[in-house]
Structure formats: structure tokens, C-alpha cells
Protein backbone atom coordinates (compact mmCIF):
# COMPACT_ATOMS: atom_id res chain seq x y z
CA MET A 1 -152.90 64.24 149.23
CA ASN A 2 -150.75 63.99 152.33
CA PHE A 3 -147.25 65.32 151.76
CA PRO A 4 -144.20 64.18 153.75
CA ASP A 5 -142.13 66.77 155.59
CA ARG A 6 -139.15 65.91 153.33
CA LEU A 7 -138.54 64.19 150.03
CA ARG A 8 -135.37 63.55 148.09
CA LEU A 9 -136.38 64.49 144.57
CA PRO A 10 -135.41 62.32 141.55
CA PHE A 11 -132.55 64.56 140.35
CA ALA A 12 -128.78 64.17 140.46
CA PHE A 13 -126.92 67.33 139.50
CA ASP A 14 -123.18 67.36 138.72
CA PRO A 15 -121.26 68.61 141.80
CA ALA A 16 -118.26 69.68 139.68
CA ARG A 17 -120.45 71.85 137.45
CA LEU A 18 -122.25 73.30 140.47
CA ASN A 19 -118.90 74.26 141.98
CA ALA A 20 -117.68 75.75 138.70
CA ASP A 21 -120.68 78.09 138.65
CA LEU A 22 -120.08 78.93 142.30
CA LYS A 23 -116.49 79.90 141.49
CA ALA A 24 -117.73 82.16 138.69
CA LEU A 25 -119.41 84.24 141.41
CA ASP A 26 -116.30 84.77 143.56
CA ALA A 27 -116.39 88.55 143.08
CA ASP A 28 -120.15 88.93 143.67
CA PRO A 29 -121.37 90.41 146.96
CA TRP A 30 -123.06 88.16 149.49
CA HIS A 31 -125.56 89.76 151.89
CA ASP A 32 -126.05 88.83 155.55
CA HIS A 33 -129.30 87.00 156.12
CA ALA A 34 -131.78 89.65 157.22
CA VAL A 35 -133.36 87.73 160.11
CA ARG A 36 -130.43 88.03 162.51
CA GLN A 37 -132.24 86.50 165.51
CA ASN A 38 -132.46 83.17 163.62
CA TYR A 39 -128.71 82.50 163.56
CA SER A 40 -125.33 82.92 165.18
CA GLY A 41 -122.09 83.13 163.24
CA ASN A 42 -122.21 83.84 159.51
CA TRP A 43 -125.20 83.03 157.31
CA ASP A 44 -125.33 84.95 154.07
CA VAL A 45 -127.11 84.96 150.76
CA LEU A 46 -126.28 85.68 147.12
CA PRO A 47 -129.52 86.43 145.24
CA LEU A 48 -129.80 84.91 141.75
CA ARG A 49 -133.51 85.60 141.16
CA ALA A 50 -135.51 88.04 143.26
CA ALA A 51 -138.57 90.25 143.30
CA ALA A 52 -138.65 92.22 140.03
CA GLY A 53 -137.28 95.73 140.30
CA GLU A 54 -135.73 95.28 143.74
CA THR A 55 -132.27 96.71 144.40
CA HIS A 56 -132.12 96.97 148.20
CA PRO A 57 -130.00 94.10 149.62
CA VAL A 58 -132.60 93.11 152.23
CA ARG A 59 -135.44 92.98 149.70
CA LEU A 60 -133.26 90.97 147.33
CA VAL A 61 -132.78 88.36 150.06
CA VAL A 62 -136.20 88.36 151.76
CA VAL A 63 -139.11 88.31 149.31
CA PRO A 64 -141.75 90.88 150.27
CA PRO A 65 -145.15 89.28 150.99
CA GLY A 66 -147.50 89.25 148.02
CA THR A 67 -144.71 89.44 145.43
CA THR A 68 -145.87 87.98 142.11
CA LYS A 69 -143.19 89.16 139.68
CA PHE A 70 -139.63 87.88 139.82
CA ALA A 71 -136.57 88.57 137.70
CA ASP A 72 -133.17 86.97 137.25
CA GLN A 73 -130.30 88.89 138.81
CA PRO A 74 -127.14 89.62 136.75
CA ALA A 75 -125.15 86.95 138.63
CA LEU A 76 -127.40 84.19 137.28
CA SER A 77 -126.55 85.12 133.68
CA ARG A 78 -122.95 83.99 134.34
CA CYS A 79 -124.03 80.60 135.70
CA ARG A 80 -125.11 78.34 132.87
CA TYR A 81 -125.39 75.21 135.02
CA PHE A 82 -127.35 76.93 137.79
CA ARG A 83 -129.80 78.04 135.07
CA GLU A 84 -130.04 74.41 133.85
CA VAL A 85 -130.72 73.22 137.40
CA VAL A 86 -133.47 75.79 137.90
CA ALA A 87 -134.99 74.90 134.51
CA ALA A 88 -135.19 71.24 135.55
CA PHE A 89 -138.11 72.17 137.80
CA ALA A 90 -141.16 72.40 135.57
CA CYS A 91 -143.08 74.74 137.82
CA PRO A 92 -143.26 78.52 138.28
CA VAL A 93 -139.97 79.68 139.83
CA GLN A 94 -139.97 82.54 142.29
CA ALA A 95 -136.78 83.36 144.23
CA VAL A 96 -133.44 81.61 143.66
CA ARG A 97 -130.41 82.19 145.83
CA LEU A 98 -127.23 80.70 147.18
CA MET A 99 -127.25 80.38 150.96
CA ARG A 100 -123.93 79.97 152.79
CA LEU A 101 -123.41 78.88 156.39
CA THR A 102 -119.78 79.19 157.43
CA PRO A 103 -117.94 76.73 159.72
CA GLY A 104 -119.06 76.92 163.35
CA SER A 105 -122.24 78.84 162.46
CA VAL A 106 -125.74 77.87 163.59
CA ILE A 107 -129.19 78.49 162.17
CA LYS A 108 -131.41 78.34 165.25
CA GLU A 109 -134.60 76.34 165.19
CA HIS A 110 -137.32 78.35 163.48
CA TYR A 111 -140.03 77.92 160.88
CA ASP A 112 -140.90 79.79 157.69
CA HIS A 113 -144.51 80.84 157.13
CA GLU A 114 -146.41 79.17 154.28
CA LEU A 115 -143.50 77.14 152.97
CA GLY A 116 -145.03 73.76 152.37
CA MET A 117 -146.75 71.90 149.57
CA GLU A 118 -149.97 72.27 151.55
CA ASP A 119 -149.60 76.04 151.18
CA GLY A 120 -149.03 75.84 147.42
CA PHE A 121 -145.30 76.61 147.65
CA ALA A 122 -142.13 74.57 147.93
CA ARG A 123 -138.52 75.33 148.74
CA ILE A 124 -136.01 73.10 146.98
CA HIS A 125 -132.47 72.72 148.35
CA VAL A 126 -129.62 71.63 146.09
CA PRO A 127 -126.37 71.27 148.07
CA VAL A 128 -123.46 72.83 146.17
CA ALA A 129 -120.86 72.49 148.95
CA THR A 130 -121.30 70.62 152.21
CA ASN A 131 -119.46 68.42 154.68
CA PRO A 132 -120.38 65.45 156.90
CA GLN A 133 -120.54 67.66 160.00
CA VAL A 134 -123.46 69.71 158.69
CA ASP A 135 -126.43 68.77 160.87
CA PHE A 136 -129.71 69.86 159.23
CA ARG A 137 -132.73 69.01 161.38
CA LEU A 138 -136.36 69.07 160.31
CA ASN A 139 -138.92 68.25 163.00
CA GLY A 140 -135.99 67.12 165.15
CA VAL A 141 -134.82 64.50 162.62
CA ARG A 142 -131.53 64.84 160.75
CA VAL A 143 -131.63 65.24 156.95
CA ASP A 144 -128.36 64.19 155.28
CA MET A 145 -127.99 65.89 151.92
CA VAL A 146 -125.11 65.22 149.53
CA GLU A 147 -123.77 67.61 146.91
CA GLY A 148 -125.86 67.53 143.75
CA SER A 149 -128.97 66.02 145.35
CA ALA A 150 -132.28 67.90 145.41
CA TRP A 151 -134.60 68.04 148.38
CA TYR A 152 -138.06 69.32 149.20
CA MET A 153 -138.52 70.14 152.86
CA ARG A 154 -141.67 71.49 154.50
CA LEU A 155 -139.99 74.47 156.13
CA ARG A 156 -143.14 75.75 157.80
CA ASP A 157 -142.14 73.02 160.30
CA PRO A 158 -139.36 73.59 162.87
CA HIS A 159 -135.87 73.28 161.35
CA SER A 160 -132.29 74.15 162.27
CA VAL A 161 -128.77 73.74 160.91
CA VAL A 162 -125.35 73.48 162.55
CA ASN A 163 -122.19 73.59 160.45
CA GLY A 164 -119.79 71.69 162.70
CA GLY A 165 -117.29 71.20 159.86
CA THR A 166 -114.33 73.19 158.62
CA THR A 167 -115.77 74.16 155.22
CA ASP A 168 -118.72 76.26 154.09
CA ARG A 169 -122.11 74.73 153.56
CA ILE A 170 -123.65 76.33 150.44
CA HIS A 171 -127.05 75.42 149.02
CA LEU A 172 -128.76 76.55 145.85
CA VAL A 173 -132.25 77.34 147.18
CA ILE A 174 -135.13 77.49 144.72
CA ASP A 175 -138.60 78.68 145.73
CA VAL A 176 -141.35 77.44 143.44
CA VAL A 177 -145.12 77.40 143.15
CA ALA A 178 -146.46 73.88 143.62
CA ASN A 179 -148.16 72.64 140.46
CA ALA A 180 -149.35 69.28 139.12
CA TRP A 181 -145.83 68.41 137.87
CA LEU A 182 -144.38 68.87 141.36
CA VAL A 183 -147.26 67.03 143.04
CA ASP A 184 -146.62 64.05 140.73
CA LEU A 185 -143.07 63.77 142.12
CA PHE A 186 -144.64 62.93 145.49
CA ARG A 187 -146.73 60.05 144.14
CA PRO A 188 -145.33 56.56 144.69
CA ASN A 189 -144.05 54.81 141.60
CA PRO A 190 -146.36 51.95 140.52
């Protein structure tokens, strides 16, 4: 099967409930994204599910290659709706995190290894907070994502983000193993 480089998935999550869970994490520590050469400004991460047994901030944010066991982080236990969102994806869930790009910050064009349906993995983005001046580009084409939507993007392809707005852009990012359930979401409806 040929997979597109992006697909809006058939989910609509409640933006108010997403934001309520986000507020419940106000006191939790965010960690700078570990790959500093990929951005300018402030891009940070709050891990909600990570490699099992990890405690080092970098290894909570960047999954070590070959990791097969994952565990929920304490922050996720306080976020009932985030847990419901993650559970909506009927496939094996690996890492889950909130990713925040502050106003005026830029994620430079880059690509992530083996992050496409063709590789057996998918990264799902659920915007929690965004603004119209967020410019997310995949293969040079803008992807407009509204709060509460869910998107697959083949991030082994070149992508970049500019937050030209005055508010944070925060996505709930869910890494999953592609299975038959997920593949079926890509099939056209009869």
C-alpha cells in the first residue's frame, strides 16, 4: 500500500479537555529538546510515556534505539483525558509527550529516521494549543492543524515549524507501532 506523507485521522478531541489536562501539569518540569542543532528559540518536551526505567531527562525525551519496553510517567496519571486520547489509538503505543514551541521559535528543516508507515511506525500529532501563525511544513507544503485534530505525518521526510504567533504551540505527540487497525485508517471509504 502506498501511504501519503500526511493524513488527518478521523478523530476530533475536545480542545477544552485537552487544555484542562495541560493545566494540570503546570508544575511539571519541561526538558529542552535534546537535538539543539534542529531549532532556534525554545522547543521543549514534557514526557508522559517513555522508555521503561529511564530517569535521565535526555533519555526520557529521546527514545534510545532498539527500545521495546515503555512505561507511563507519573504526569500521565494526572491527565485522564490525555489517557483517553492515547487509548483511542488501537495500536501499540511507544513514547507519548507534550512538545512546546514558544512564540518566535523555529524548528529547522530536518527529518526523523524511520518515522513513517513504511517503516512500521507512526507519529501522531494532536494539537493542544496552537495559533494561525504556526507554519508547519512537510515536504515544503504547509499542514494546518487545529486544536483537537489528529494527524499522521511521515516525518522521515523533511519538515519544519515556525511559531510566528504570540502564544505557545503545544502538541500531544504519540509514537505508535503501525498495525492493521492503523493501516485501515488509510484506506479510502467505499
